[in-house]
C-alpha cells in the first residue's frame, strides 16, 4: 500500500520537474495520428497532470470503501499491485509533450508504455479477489467466484500476450499503430467475455 503513495509522489515530482524544464508553450493534446491538435502553457499541463494524480490517488483509497466486497478488494494483494502498475499512466501523460518536442513518435511511445502496463497487470490479475470495480467484470465472473478465478487466470496470460504484441507496433507505419492497438484490445476483450460465459455455462451444467 505504501508504495502506491510513494509512486504518486514520484509522479508528482516528475510533473513538477517537467513544468520547470519544458517551454512555456507545449502540445497538450494529440490526435489519432500522434500529431498535436491543441497547444497551451506548461502550467496548464502541470495542473492537468496534478489533477490526474490526485484523482487516481482518491480512487485508490475510496473505491475499496464503497465496494460491497470491500474486504476482498482492499485485502487483495492484486489490487495494490495493479495500481502500482497503473501509475505508468500519469507518468506517460506527463512525458508526452517532452517526447514530442524531442522528436519521438507519440503513438509508438504510448504503445511501449501500454505494453509494459498490460504485462504488469497480467502478472497480477490472477491474484485479484472478486469485487465490483477492478478486474474482468462480466455478469458471469461477478455471479460465480470460480468463474472469476478461472477467467482472471486466463486473463492474466491474455494481458501479457497483448502487452508483448504491442511492442512490434514501434516498427509499423504511424497510420496503422492506433488501429492495431484497438484491434488487439477488442480481440482480448471479446475473448475474455466469451470465455467467462462459456465457463459459467460449463459450471451450470455440472451443477444440474
N, C-alpha and C. Protein backbone atom coordinates (compact mmCIF):
# COMPACT_ATOMS: atom_id res chain seq x y z
N UNK A 1 0.82 -1.21 0.00
CA UNK A 1 0.00 0.00 0.00
C UNK A 1 0.86 1.26 0.00
N UNK A 2 1.92 1.27 0.82
CA UNK A 2 2.77 2.45 0.94
C UNK A 2 3.43 2.78 -0.39
N UNK A 3 3.77 1.75 -1.17
CA UNK A 3 4.47 2.00 -2.43
C UNK A 3 3.62 2.83 -3.39
N UNK A 4 2.29 2.70 -3.32
CA UNK A 4 1.44 3.48 -4.21
C UNK A 4 1.46 4.96 -3.86
N UNK A 5 1.53 5.28 -2.59
CA UNK A 5 1.67 6.68 -2.19
C UNK A 5 3.05 7.21 -2.59
N UNK A 6 4.05 6.35 -2.49
CA UNK A 6 5.40 6.73 -2.91
C UNK A 6 5.45 7.01 -4.41
N UNK A 7 4.80 6.13 -5.21
CA UNK A 7 4.78 6.33 -6.67
C UNK A 7 3.98 7.56 -7.06
N UNK A 8 2.92 7.86 -6.30
CA UNK A 8 2.16 9.09 -6.55
C UNK A 8 3.05 10.30 -6.33
N UNK A 9 3.89 10.24 -5.31
CA UNK A 9 4.83 11.33 -5.03
C UNK A 9 5.86 11.47 -6.15
N UNK A 10 6.35 10.32 -6.65
CA UNK A 10 7.30 10.32 -7.75
C UNK A 10 6.67 10.92 -9.00
N UNK A 11 5.42 10.54 -9.29
CA UNK A 11 4.72 11.07 -10.47
C UNK A 11 4.55 12.58 -10.35
N UNK A 12 4.21 13.06 -9.16
CA UNK A 12 4.03 14.49 -8.96
C UNK A 12 5.37 15.22 -9.10
N UNK A 13 6.44 14.64 -8.55
CA UNK A 13 7.76 15.26 -8.64
C UNK A 13 8.21 15.35 -10.11
N UNK A 14 7.95 14.29 -10.88
CA UNK A 14 8.29 14.32 -12.31
C UNK A 14 7.49 15.40 -13.02
N UNK A 15 6.23 15.51 -12.67
CA UNK A 15 5.37 16.53 -13.26
C UNK A 15 5.91 17.93 -12.98
N UNK A 16 6.40 18.14 -11.77
CA UNK A 16 6.96 19.44 -11.39
C UNK A 16 8.25 19.73 -12.14
N UNK A 17 9.11 18.72 -12.26
CA UNK A 17 10.37 18.89 -12.98
C UNK A 17 10.11 19.23 -14.45
N UNK A 18 9.14 18.54 -15.04
CA UNK A 18 8.79 18.82 -16.44
C UNK A 18 8.25 20.24 -16.60
N UNK A 19 7.49 20.69 -15.62
CA UNK A 19 6.99 22.07 -15.66
C UNK A 19 8.14 23.07 -15.69
N UNK A 20 9.21 22.76 -14.97
CA UNK A 20 10.36 23.66 -14.90
C UNK A 20 11.20 23.64 -16.17
N UNK A 21 11.27 22.48 -16.84
CA UNK A 21 12.19 22.35 -17.99
C UNK A 21 11.51 22.52 -19.34
N UNK A 22 10.20 22.31 -19.40
CA UNK A 22 9.51 22.43 -20.69
C UNK A 22 9.36 23.89 -21.10
N UNK A 23 9.27 24.17 -22.39
CA UNK A 23 9.00 25.54 -22.85
C UNK A 23 7.64 26.03 -22.32
N UNK A 24 7.42 27.32 -22.42
CA UNK A 24 6.15 27.88 -21.94
C UNK A 24 4.96 27.40 -22.77
N UNK A 25 5.18 27.19 -24.05
CA UNK A 25 4.10 26.73 -24.93
C UNK A 25 4.41 25.32 -25.42
N UNK A 26 3.51 24.39 -25.15
CA UNK A 26 3.74 22.97 -25.46
C UNK A 26 2.47 22.33 -26.01
N UNK A 27 2.58 21.18 -26.68
CA UNK A 27 1.39 20.46 -27.13
C UNK A 27 0.68 19.82 -25.93
N UNK A 28 -0.62 19.99 -25.86
CA UNK A 28 -1.40 19.46 -24.74
C UNK A 28 -2.28 18.29 -25.12
N UNK A 29 -2.56 18.15 -26.42
CA UNK A 29 -3.42 17.05 -26.85
C UNK A 29 -2.97 16.59 -28.23
N UNK A 30 -3.12 15.28 -28.46
CA UNK A 30 -2.65 14.70 -29.72
C UNK A 30 -3.79 13.95 -30.40
N UNK A 31 -3.84 14.00 -31.73
CA UNK A 31 -4.87 13.27 -32.46
C UNK A 31 -4.44 11.82 -32.69
N UNK A 32 -5.27 11.07 -33.42
CA UNK A 32 -5.01 9.65 -33.63
C UNK A 32 -3.73 9.40 -34.43
N UNK A 33 -3.29 10.41 -35.17
CA UNK A 33 -2.06 10.29 -35.94
C UNK A 33 -0.82 10.62 -35.12
N UNK A 34 -1.03 11.00 -33.85
CA UNK A 34 0.09 11.34 -32.98
C UNK A 34 0.59 12.76 -33.16
N UNK A 35 -0.22 13.59 -33.81
CA UNK A 35 0.17 14.99 -34.02
C UNK A 35 -0.61 15.89 -33.07
N UNK A 36 -0.01 16.96 -32.58
CA UNK A 36 -0.72 17.85 -31.64
C UNK A 36 -1.88 18.57 -32.32
N UNK A 37 -3.04 18.55 -31.66
CA UNK A 37 -4.18 19.31 -32.17
C UNK A 37 -4.63 20.39 -31.18
N UNK A 38 -3.87 20.52 -30.11
CA UNK A 38 -4.10 21.65 -29.19
C UNK A 38 -2.80 21.97 -28.45
N UNK A 39 -2.48 23.25 -28.40
CA UNK A 39 -1.30 23.72 -27.69
C UNK A 39 -1.74 24.59 -26.51
N UNK A 40 -0.88 24.69 -25.53
CA UNK A 40 -1.19 25.51 -24.38
C UNK A 40 0.05 25.74 -23.54
N UNK A 41 -0.14 26.19 -22.33
CA UNK A 41 1.00 26.53 -21.47
C UNK A 41 1.47 25.31 -20.67
N UNK A 42 2.72 25.35 -20.28
CA UNK A 42 3.27 24.28 -19.44
C UNK A 42 2.59 24.28 -18.07
N UNK A 43 2.09 25.44 -17.62
CA UNK A 43 1.37 25.50 -16.35
C UNK A 43 0.06 24.70 -16.44
N UNK A 44 -0.64 24.86 -17.56
CA UNK A 44 -1.88 24.10 -17.75
C UNK A 44 -1.59 22.61 -17.74
N UNK A 45 -0.50 22.22 -18.41
CA UNK A 45 -0.10 20.82 -18.44
C UNK A 45 0.19 20.31 -17.03
N UNK A 46 0.89 21.12 -16.25
CA UNK A 46 1.21 20.73 -14.87
C UNK A 46 -0.06 20.55 -14.05
N UNK A 47 -1.01 21.47 -14.18
CA UNK A 47 -2.24 21.41 -13.38
C UNK A 47 -3.11 20.22 -13.79
N UNK A 48 -3.16 19.93 -15.08
CA UNK A 48 -3.94 18.78 -15.55
C UNK A 48 -3.37 17.48 -14.98
N UNK A 49 -2.06 17.34 -15.04
CA UNK A 49 -1.44 16.12 -14.54
C UNK A 49 -1.51 16.01 -13.02
N UNK A 50 -1.39 17.15 -12.34
CA UNK A 50 -1.53 17.14 -10.88
C UNK A 50 -2.94 16.68 -10.50
N UNK A 51 -3.95 17.16 -11.26
CA UNK A 51 -5.32 16.73 -11.02
C UNK A 51 -5.52 15.25 -11.28
N UNK A 52 -4.88 14.73 -12.35
CA UNK A 52 -4.97 13.31 -12.66
C UNK A 52 -4.35 12.46 -11.55
N UNK A 53 -3.21 12.88 -11.05
CA UNK A 53 -2.55 12.15 -9.97
C UNK A 53 -3.41 12.13 -8.72
N UNK A 54 -3.97 13.28 -8.37
CA UNK A 54 -4.84 13.36 -7.19
C UNK A 54 -6.08 12.50 -7.38
N UNK A 55 -6.67 12.53 -8.58
CA UNK A 55 -7.87 11.73 -8.86
C UNK A 55 -7.57 10.24 -8.71
N UNK A 56 -6.43 9.79 -9.25
CA UNK A 56 -6.07 8.38 -9.13
C UNK A 56 -5.82 7.98 -7.69
N UNK A 57 -5.21 8.87 -6.93
CA UNK A 57 -4.95 8.58 -5.52
C UNK A 57 -6.26 8.45 -4.74
N UNK A 58 -7.21 9.33 -5.04
CA UNK A 58 -8.52 9.26 -4.39
C UNK A 58 -9.25 7.97 -4.77
N UNK A 59 -9.17 7.59 -6.05
CA UNK A 59 -9.78 6.34 -6.49
C UNK A 59 -9.19 5.16 -5.73
N UNK A 60 -7.87 5.16 -5.62
CA UNK A 60 -7.17 4.06 -4.95
C UNK A 60 -7.66 3.88 -3.51
N UNK A 61 -7.89 4.98 -2.82
CA UNK A 61 -8.30 4.90 -1.42
C UNK A 61 -9.80 4.70 -1.28
N UNK A 62 -10.60 5.37 -2.12
CA UNK A 62 -12.05 5.39 -1.92
C UNK A 62 -12.78 4.19 -2.51
N UNK A 63 -12.30 3.66 -3.63
CA UNK A 63 -13.03 2.56 -4.28
C UNK A 63 -13.24 1.37 -3.35
N UNK A 64 -12.23 0.91 -2.61
CA UNK A 64 -12.48 -0.21 -1.70
C UNK A 64 -13.49 0.12 -0.60
N UNK A 65 -13.64 1.38 -0.26
CA UNK A 65 -14.57 1.76 0.80
C UNK A 65 -16.03 1.71 0.35
N UNK A 66 -16.27 1.85 -0.96
CA UNK A 66 -17.65 1.84 -1.44
C UNK A 66 -18.01 0.52 -2.12
N UNK A 67 -17.02 -0.35 -2.34
CA UNK A 67 -17.30 -1.64 -2.94
C UNK A 67 -18.00 -2.54 -1.91
N UNK A 68 -19.12 -3.18 -2.29
CA UNK A 68 -19.79 -4.09 -1.35
C UNK A 68 -18.89 -5.22 -0.84
N UNK A 69 -17.88 -5.56 -1.65
CA UNK A 69 -16.92 -6.59 -1.23
C UNK A 69 -15.61 -5.92 -0.79
N UNK A 70 -15.72 -4.90 0.01
CA UNK A 70 -14.57 -4.06 0.34
C UNK A 70 -13.41 -4.86 0.93
N UNK A 71 -13.71 -5.87 1.73
CA UNK A 71 -12.61 -6.66 2.30
C UNK A 71 -11.85 -7.41 1.22
N UNK A 72 -12.58 -7.90 0.24
CA UNK A 72 -11.92 -8.59 -0.86
C UNK A 72 -10.99 -7.67 -1.63
N UNK A 73 -11.42 -6.42 -1.80
CA UNK A 73 -10.65 -5.50 -2.64
C UNK A 73 -9.43 -4.95 -1.90
N UNK A 74 -9.64 -4.33 -0.75
CA UNK A 74 -8.51 -3.74 -0.02
C UNK A 74 -7.57 -4.81 0.51
N UNK A 75 -8.12 -5.99 0.79
CA UNK A 75 -7.27 -7.08 1.29
C UNK A 75 -6.64 -7.91 0.20
N UNK A 76 -6.89 -7.52 -1.06
CA UNK A 76 -6.34 -8.26 -2.19
C UNK A 76 -4.99 -7.70 -2.59
N UNK A 77 -3.99 -8.54 -2.56
CA UNK A 77 -2.64 -8.12 -2.97
C UNK A 77 -2.65 -7.64 -4.42
N UNK A 78 -3.49 -8.30 -5.24
CA UNK A 78 -3.57 -7.93 -6.64
C UNK A 78 -4.03 -6.51 -6.86
N UNK A 79 -4.96 -6.03 -6.02
CA UNK A 79 -5.48 -4.66 -6.17
C UNK A 79 -4.36 -3.64 -6.01
N UNK A 80 -3.56 -3.80 -4.98
CA UNK A 80 -2.48 -2.84 -4.71
C UNK A 80 -1.39 -2.93 -5.79
N UNK A 81 -1.10 -4.15 -6.25
CA UNK A 81 -0.05 -4.31 -7.25
C UNK A 81 -0.50 -3.78 -8.62
N UNK A 82 -1.76 -3.99 -8.96
CA UNK A 82 -2.27 -3.46 -10.23
C UNK A 82 -2.20 -1.94 -10.22
N UNK A 83 -2.55 -1.33 -9.08
CA UNK A 83 -2.46 0.12 -9.00
C UNK A 83 -1.01 0.59 -9.10
N UNK A 84 -0.09 -0.21 -8.60
CA UNK A 84 1.33 0.13 -8.72
C UNK A 84 1.72 0.26 -10.19
N UNK A 85 1.20 -0.65 -11.03
CA UNK A 85 1.49 -0.61 -12.46
C UNK A 85 0.78 0.56 -13.13
N UNK A 86 -0.44 0.86 -12.68
CA UNK A 86 -1.25 1.90 -13.32
C UNK A 86 -0.62 3.29 -13.19
N UNK A 87 0.30 3.47 -12.25
CA UNK A 87 0.96 4.78 -12.13
C UNK A 87 1.79 5.12 -13.37
N UNK A 88 1.97 4.12 -14.27
CA UNK A 88 2.61 4.42 -15.54
C UNK A 88 1.79 5.41 -16.37
N UNK A 89 0.47 5.43 -16.14
CA UNK A 89 -0.41 6.28 -16.96
C UNK A 89 -0.13 7.77 -16.74
N UNK A 90 -0.19 8.29 -15.49
CA UNK A 90 0.11 9.73 -15.33
C UNK A 90 1.55 10.08 -15.69
N UNK A 91 2.46 9.13 -15.51
CA UNK A 91 3.84 9.37 -15.90
C UNK A 91 3.93 9.52 -17.42
N UNK A 92 3.22 8.63 -18.14
CA UNK A 92 3.20 8.71 -19.60
C UNK A 92 2.58 10.03 -20.08
N UNK A 93 1.44 10.39 -19.47
CA UNK A 93 0.75 11.63 -19.85
C UNK A 93 1.67 12.84 -19.63
N UNK A 94 2.38 12.83 -18.51
CA UNK A 94 3.28 13.95 -18.20
C UNK A 94 4.41 14.06 -19.23
N UNK A 95 4.88 12.91 -19.72
CA UNK A 95 6.05 12.90 -20.60
C UNK A 95 5.70 13.12 -22.08
N UNK A 96 4.44 13.02 -22.45
CA UNK A 96 4.10 13.09 -23.87
C UNK A 96 4.57 14.37 -24.56
N UNK A 97 4.36 15.56 -24.00
CA UNK A 97 4.89 16.77 -24.67
C UNK A 97 6.42 16.74 -24.79
N UNK A 98 7.09 16.23 -23.77
CA UNK A 98 8.54 16.13 -23.78
C UNK A 98 9.00 15.22 -24.90
N UNK A 99 8.36 14.04 -25.03
CA UNK A 99 8.72 13.11 -26.10
C UNK A 99 8.52 13.75 -27.47
N UNK A 100 7.39 14.44 -27.64
CA UNK A 100 7.10 15.05 -28.94
C UNK A 100 8.14 16.10 -29.29
N UNK A 101 8.48 16.95 -28.34
CA UNK A 101 9.45 18.02 -28.59
C UNK A 101 10.85 17.48 -28.84
N UNK A 102 11.11 16.25 -28.38
CA UNK A 102 12.41 15.62 -28.62
C UNK A 102 12.42 14.78 -29.90
N UNK A 103 11.28 14.78 -30.60
CA UNK A 103 11.24 14.11 -31.90
C UNK A 103 10.79 12.67 -31.87
N UNK A 104 10.33 12.18 -30.72
CA UNK A 104 9.85 10.80 -30.64
C UNK A 104 8.41 10.70 -31.16
N UNK A 105 8.06 9.53 -31.71
CA UNK A 105 6.69 9.28 -32.13
C UNK A 105 5.81 9.09 -30.89
N UNK A 106 4.75 9.89 -30.77
CA UNK A 106 3.87 9.79 -29.61
C UNK A 106 3.15 8.44 -29.59
N UNK A 107 2.57 8.05 -30.72
CA UNK A 107 1.82 6.80 -30.77
C UNK A 107 2.69 5.59 -30.42
N UNK A 108 3.90 5.59 -30.95
CA UNK A 108 4.78 4.45 -30.70
C UNK A 108 5.31 4.45 -29.26
N UNK A 109 5.52 5.63 -28.70
CA UNK A 109 5.92 5.73 -27.30
C UNK A 109 4.81 5.21 -26.40
N UNK A 110 3.58 5.57 -26.75
CA UNK A 110 2.43 5.11 -25.97
C UNK A 110 2.29 3.59 -26.04
N UNK A 111 2.58 3.00 -27.21
CA UNK A 111 2.50 1.54 -27.35
C UNK A 111 3.48 0.84 -26.41
N UNK A 112 4.67 1.39 -26.27
CA UNK A 112 5.66 0.80 -25.37
C UNK A 112 5.16 0.86 -23.93
N UNK A 113 4.62 2.01 -23.54
CA UNK A 113 4.13 2.16 -22.17
C UNK A 113 2.95 1.23 -21.91
N UNK A 114 2.02 1.17 -22.87
CA UNK A 114 0.86 0.28 -22.69
C UNK A 114 1.28 -1.18 -22.73
N UNK A 115 2.31 -1.50 -23.48
CA UNK A 115 2.83 -2.86 -23.46
C UNK A 115 3.30 -3.24 -22.06
N UNK A 116 4.07 -2.37 -21.44
CA UNK A 116 4.53 -2.60 -20.07
C UNK A 116 3.35 -2.66 -19.10
N UNK A 117 2.35 -1.78 -19.32
CA UNK A 117 1.17 -1.73 -18.47
C UNK A 117 0.41 -3.05 -18.51
N UNK A 118 0.18 -3.57 -19.71
CA UNK A 118 -0.57 -4.81 -19.85
C UNK A 118 0.20 -6.00 -19.28
N UNK A 119 1.49 -6.03 -19.50
CA UNK A 119 2.30 -7.13 -18.96
C UNK A 119 2.26 -7.10 -17.43
N UNK A 120 2.41 -5.90 -16.85
CA UNK A 120 2.37 -5.78 -15.39
C UNK A 120 1.02 -6.18 -14.83
N UNK A 121 -0.06 -5.70 -15.45
CA UNK A 121 -1.40 -6.04 -14.97
C UNK A 121 -1.68 -7.53 -15.15
N UNK A 122 -1.19 -8.11 -16.24
CA UNK A 122 -1.39 -9.54 -16.47
C UNK A 122 -0.76 -10.39 -15.41
N UNK A 123 0.37 -9.95 -14.89
CA UNK A 123 1.04 -10.70 -13.83
C UNK A 123 0.24 -10.72 -12.53
N UNK A 124 -0.54 -9.66 -12.29
CA UNK A 124 -1.23 -9.53 -11.01
C UNK A 124 -2.72 -9.84 -11.06
N UNK A 125 -3.29 -9.93 -12.27
CA UNK A 125 -4.73 -10.21 -12.38
C UNK A 125 -5.14 -11.49 -11.65
N UNK A 126 -4.39 -12.60 -11.77
CA UNK A 126 -4.83 -13.83 -11.12
C UNK A 126 -4.92 -13.73 -9.59
N UNK A 127 -4.28 -12.75 -8.97
CA UNK A 127 -4.31 -12.62 -7.51
C UNK A 127 -5.45 -11.71 -7.04
N UNK A 128 -6.21 -11.17 -7.99
CA UNK A 128 -7.27 -10.23 -7.64
C UNK A 128 -8.51 -10.97 -7.17
N UNK A 129 -9.01 -10.60 -5.99
CA UNK A 129 -10.20 -11.23 -5.44
C UNK A 129 -11.47 -10.60 -6.03
N UNK A 130 -12.60 -11.34 -6.03
CA UNK A 130 -13.85 -10.81 -6.60
C UNK A 130 -14.26 -9.47 -6.01
N UNK A 131 -14.61 -8.53 -6.89
CA UNK A 131 -15.09 -7.21 -6.47
C UNK A 131 -15.87 -6.61 -7.63
N UNK A 132 -16.46 -5.45 -7.41
CA UNK A 132 -17.32 -4.84 -8.41
C UNK A 132 -16.66 -3.72 -9.21
N UNK A 133 -15.39 -3.41 -8.96
CA UNK A 133 -14.77 -2.25 -9.58
C UNK A 133 -13.52 -2.56 -10.41
N UNK A 134 -12.72 -3.50 -9.98
CA UNK A 134 -11.42 -3.73 -10.62
C UNK A 134 -11.33 -5.18 -11.10
N UNK A 135 -10.88 -5.34 -12.34
CA UNK A 135 -10.71 -6.69 -12.86
C UNK A 135 -11.57 -6.93 -14.08
N UNK A 136 -11.72 -8.20 -14.45
CA UNK A 136 -12.52 -8.61 -15.60
C UNK A 136 -13.95 -8.83 -15.10
N UNK A 137 -14.76 -7.78 -15.21
CA UNK A 137 -16.10 -7.81 -14.61
C UNK A 137 -17.14 -8.05 -15.70
N UNK A 138 -17.54 -9.30 -15.82
CA UNK A 138 -18.65 -9.67 -16.70
C UNK A 138 -19.78 -10.18 -15.80
N UNK A 139 -20.99 -10.31 -16.33
CA UNK A 139 -22.08 -10.84 -15.49
C UNK A 139 -21.74 -12.20 -14.88
N UNK A 140 -20.92 -12.97 -15.58
CA UNK A 140 -20.65 -14.35 -15.16
C UNK A 140 -19.50 -14.43 -14.17
N UNK A 141 -18.50 -13.53 -14.28
CA UNK A 141 -17.44 -13.52 -13.26
C UNK A 141 -17.98 -12.96 -11.94
N UNK A 142 -18.90 -12.01 -12.03
CA UNK A 142 -19.47 -11.43 -10.81
C UNK A 142 -20.47 -12.38 -10.15
N UNK A 143 -21.02 -13.28 -10.93
CA UNK A 143 -22.02 -14.22 -10.41
C UNK A 143 -21.38 -15.40 -9.68
N UNK A 144 -20.20 -15.83 -10.14
CA UNK A 144 -19.62 -17.06 -9.64
C UNK A 144 -18.12 -16.88 -9.37
N UNK A 145 -17.69 -17.20 -8.15
CA UNK A 145 -16.28 -16.98 -7.78
C UNK A 145 -15.33 -17.89 -8.56
N UNK A 146 -15.78 -19.10 -8.88
CA UNK A 146 -14.93 -20.00 -9.66
C UNK A 146 -14.71 -19.45 -11.07
N UNK A 147 -15.77 -18.90 -11.65
CA UNK A 147 -15.64 -18.27 -12.98
C UNK A 147 -14.71 -17.07 -12.89
N UNK A 148 -14.82 -16.28 -11.82
CA UNK A 148 -13.92 -15.15 -11.60
C UNK A 148 -12.47 -15.60 -11.58
N UNK A 149 -12.18 -16.64 -10.77
CA UNK A 149 -10.80 -17.11 -10.62
C UNK A 149 -10.25 -17.64 -11.95
N UNK A 150 -11.04 -18.47 -12.62
CA UNK A 150 -10.57 -19.07 -13.86
C UNK A 150 -10.37 -18.01 -14.95
N UNK A 151 -11.33 -17.09 -15.07
CA UNK A 151 -11.24 -16.04 -16.09
C UNK A 151 -10.03 -15.14 -15.84
N UNK A 152 -9.76 -14.82 -14.58
CA UNK A 152 -8.62 -13.95 -14.28
C UNK A 152 -7.28 -14.69 -14.45
N UNK A 153 -7.31 -16.00 -14.27
CA UNK A 153 -6.09 -16.77 -14.52
C UNK A 153 -5.77 -16.74 -16.01
N UNK A 154 -6.79 -17.02 -16.84
CA UNK A 154 -6.59 -16.95 -18.29
C UNK A 154 -6.35 -15.51 -18.73
N UNK A 155 -7.10 -14.58 -18.11
CA UNK A 155 -6.96 -13.17 -18.44
C UNK A 155 -5.56 -12.64 -18.22
N UNK A 156 -4.89 -13.15 -17.19
CA UNK A 156 -3.51 -12.74 -16.94
C UNK A 156 -2.62 -13.03 -18.15
N UNK A 157 -2.78 -14.24 -18.70
CA UNK A 157 -1.99 -14.60 -19.88
C UNK A 157 -2.38 -13.77 -21.10
N UNK A 158 -3.68 -13.51 -21.25
CA UNK A 158 -4.15 -12.70 -22.38
C UNK A 158 -3.57 -11.30 -22.30
N UNK A 159 -3.55 -10.72 -21.10
CA UNK A 159 -2.98 -9.38 -20.92
C UNK A 159 -1.49 -9.38 -21.25
N UNK A 160 -0.77 -10.40 -20.79
CA UNK A 160 0.67 -10.46 -21.06
C UNK A 160 0.94 -10.59 -22.55
N UNK A 161 0.20 -11.47 -23.22
CA UNK A 161 0.36 -11.66 -24.67
C UNK A 161 0.03 -10.36 -25.42
N UNK A 162 -1.06 -9.70 -24.99
CA UNK A 162 -1.44 -8.42 -25.62
C UNK A 162 -0.33 -7.39 -25.45
N UNK A 163 0.24 -7.33 -24.24
CA UNK A 163 1.33 -6.40 -23.98
C UNK A 163 2.54 -6.67 -24.86
N UNK A 164 2.89 -7.94 -25.02
CA UNK A 164 4.03 -8.31 -25.86
C UNK A 164 3.76 -7.97 -27.33
N UNK A 165 2.52 -8.15 -27.75
CA UNK A 165 2.16 -7.86 -29.15
C UNK A 165 2.14 -6.37 -29.45
N UNK A 166 2.11 -5.54 -28.41
CA UNK A 166 2.13 -4.09 -28.63
C UNK A 166 3.52 -3.58 -28.99
N UNK A 167 4.55 -4.25 -28.54
CA UNK A 167 5.91 -3.76 -28.79
C UNK A 167 6.28 -3.70 -30.28
N UNK A 168 5.88 -4.69 -31.10
CA UNK A 168 6.22 -4.59 -32.53
C UNK A 168 5.61 -3.38 -33.22
N UNK A 169 4.61 -2.74 -32.60
CA UNK A 169 3.97 -1.58 -33.22
C UNK A 169 4.95 -0.44 -33.45
N UNK A 170 6.08 -0.44 -32.74
CA UNK A 170 7.06 0.63 -32.94
C UNK A 170 7.69 0.54 -34.34
N UNK A 171 7.52 -0.60 -35.01
CA UNK A 171 8.08 -0.78 -36.34
C UNK A 171 7.06 -0.52 -37.44
N UNK A 172 5.80 -0.29 -37.05
CA UNK A 172 4.73 -0.13 -38.02
C UNK A 172 4.68 1.31 -38.55
N UNK A 173 4.10 1.50 -39.73
CA UNK A 173 3.81 2.87 -40.19
C UNK A 173 2.89 3.57 -39.19
N UNK A 174 3.09 4.84 -39.02
CA UNK A 174 2.36 5.61 -38.00
C UNK A 174 0.84 5.46 -38.12
N UNK A 175 0.33 5.42 -39.34
CA UNK A 175 -1.12 5.44 -39.54
C UNK A 175 -1.82 4.17 -39.11
N UNK A 176 -1.09 3.06 -38.91
CA UNK A 176 -1.76 1.82 -38.52
C UNK A 176 -1.51 1.45 -37.05
N UNK A 177 -0.74 2.28 -36.34
CA UNK A 177 -0.43 1.96 -34.95
C UNK A 177 -1.69 1.92 -34.09
N UNK A 178 -2.51 2.97 -34.16
CA UNK A 178 -3.71 3.03 -33.33
C UNK A 178 -4.74 1.98 -33.74
N UNK A 179 -5.04 1.77 -35.05
CA UNK A 179 -5.95 0.69 -35.42
C UNK A 179 -5.46 -0.68 -34.93
N UNK A 180 -4.16 -0.91 -34.99
CA UNK A 180 -3.59 -2.17 -34.49
C UNK A 180 -3.83 -2.31 -32.99
N UNK A 181 -3.61 -1.24 -32.26
CA UNK A 181 -3.83 -1.21 -30.82
C UNK A 181 -5.29 -1.52 -30.48
N UNK A 182 -6.21 -0.86 -31.17
CA UNK A 182 -7.64 -1.05 -30.91
C UNK A 182 -8.08 -2.46 -31.27
N UNK A 183 -7.51 -3.02 -32.34
CA UNK A 183 -7.85 -4.39 -32.74
C UNK A 183 -7.41 -5.40 -31.67
N UNK A 184 -6.23 -5.19 -31.11
CA UNK A 184 -5.75 -6.07 -30.04
C UNK A 184 -6.65 -5.99 -28.81
N UNK A 185 -7.03 -4.76 -28.42
CA UNK A 185 -7.90 -4.58 -27.26
C UNK A 185 -9.25 -5.24 -27.48
N UNK A 186 -9.83 -5.03 -28.66
CA UNK A 186 -11.13 -5.62 -28.97
C UNK A 186 -11.05 -7.15 -28.96
N UNK A 187 -9.99 -7.68 -29.54
CA UNK A 187 -9.82 -9.14 -29.57
C UNK A 187 -9.69 -9.73 -28.17
N UNK A 188 -8.88 -9.09 -27.32
CA UNK A 188 -8.69 -9.58 -25.96
C UNK A 188 -9.98 -9.50 -25.16
N UNK A 189 -10.69 -8.36 -25.27
CA UNK A 189 -11.94 -8.18 -24.53
C UNK A 189 -13.00 -9.17 -24.98
N UNK A 190 -13.11 -9.39 -26.29
CA UNK A 190 -14.10 -10.32 -26.82
C UNK A 190 -13.82 -11.75 -26.36
N UNK A 191 -12.55 -12.14 -26.41
CA UNK A 191 -12.18 -13.49 -25.98
C UNK A 191 -12.54 -13.72 -24.52
N UNK A 192 -12.21 -12.76 -23.65
CA UNK A 192 -12.46 -12.94 -22.22
C UNK A 192 -13.96 -12.91 -21.90
N UNK A 193 -14.71 -12.09 -22.64
CA UNK A 193 -16.16 -12.06 -22.46
C UNK A 193 -16.76 -13.42 -22.80
N UNK A 194 -16.38 -13.96 -23.96
CA UNK A 194 -16.91 -15.27 -24.38
C UNK A 194 -16.43 -16.37 -23.45
N UNK A 195 -15.16 -16.30 -23.06
CA UNK A 195 -14.61 -17.34 -22.18
C UNK A 195 -15.35 -17.40 -20.85
N UNK A 196 -15.61 -16.25 -20.25
CA UNK A 196 -16.30 -16.24 -18.95
C UNK A 196 -17.70 -16.81 -19.06
N UNK A 197 -18.38 -16.54 -20.19
CA UNK A 197 -19.73 -17.08 -20.39
C UNK A 197 -19.67 -18.59 -20.58
N UNK A 198 -18.77 -19.06 -21.44
CA UNK A 198 -18.67 -20.50 -21.74
C UNK A 198 -18.32 -21.27 -20.46
N UNK A 199 -17.39 -20.74 -19.67
CA UNK A 199 -17.00 -21.45 -18.44
C UNK A 199 -18.15 -21.44 -17.43
N UNK A 200 -18.89 -20.35 -17.37
CA UNK A 200 -20.06 -20.28 -16.49
C UNK A 200 -21.10 -21.32 -16.89
N UNK A 201 -21.35 -21.45 -18.20
CA UNK A 201 -22.29 -22.44 -18.69
C UNK A 201 -21.84 -23.85 -18.34
N UNK A 202 -20.55 -24.08 -18.41
CA UNK A 202 -19.99 -25.39 -18.07
C UNK A 202 -20.25 -25.72 -16.60
N UNK A 203 -20.07 -24.74 -15.73
CA UNK A 203 -20.31 -24.95 -14.31
C UNK A 203 -21.80 -25.19 -14.03
N UNK A 204 -22.65 -24.43 -14.70
CA UNK A 204 -24.10 -24.58 -14.53
C UNK A 204 -24.54 -25.99 -14.93
N UNK A 205 -24.03 -26.49 -16.04
CA UNK A 205 -24.39 -27.84 -16.49
C UNK A 205 -23.94 -28.90 -15.51
N UNK A 206 -22.75 -28.71 -14.91
CA UNK A 206 -22.25 -29.68 -13.94
C UNK A 206 -23.09 -29.71 -12.68
N UNK A 207 -23.64 -28.56 -12.32
CA UNK A 207 -24.40 -28.46 -11.07
C UNK A 207 -25.83 -29.03 -11.20
N UNK A 208 -26.26 -29.30 -12.42
CA UNK A 208 -27.61 -29.84 -12.64
C UNK A 208 -27.64 -31.35 -12.43
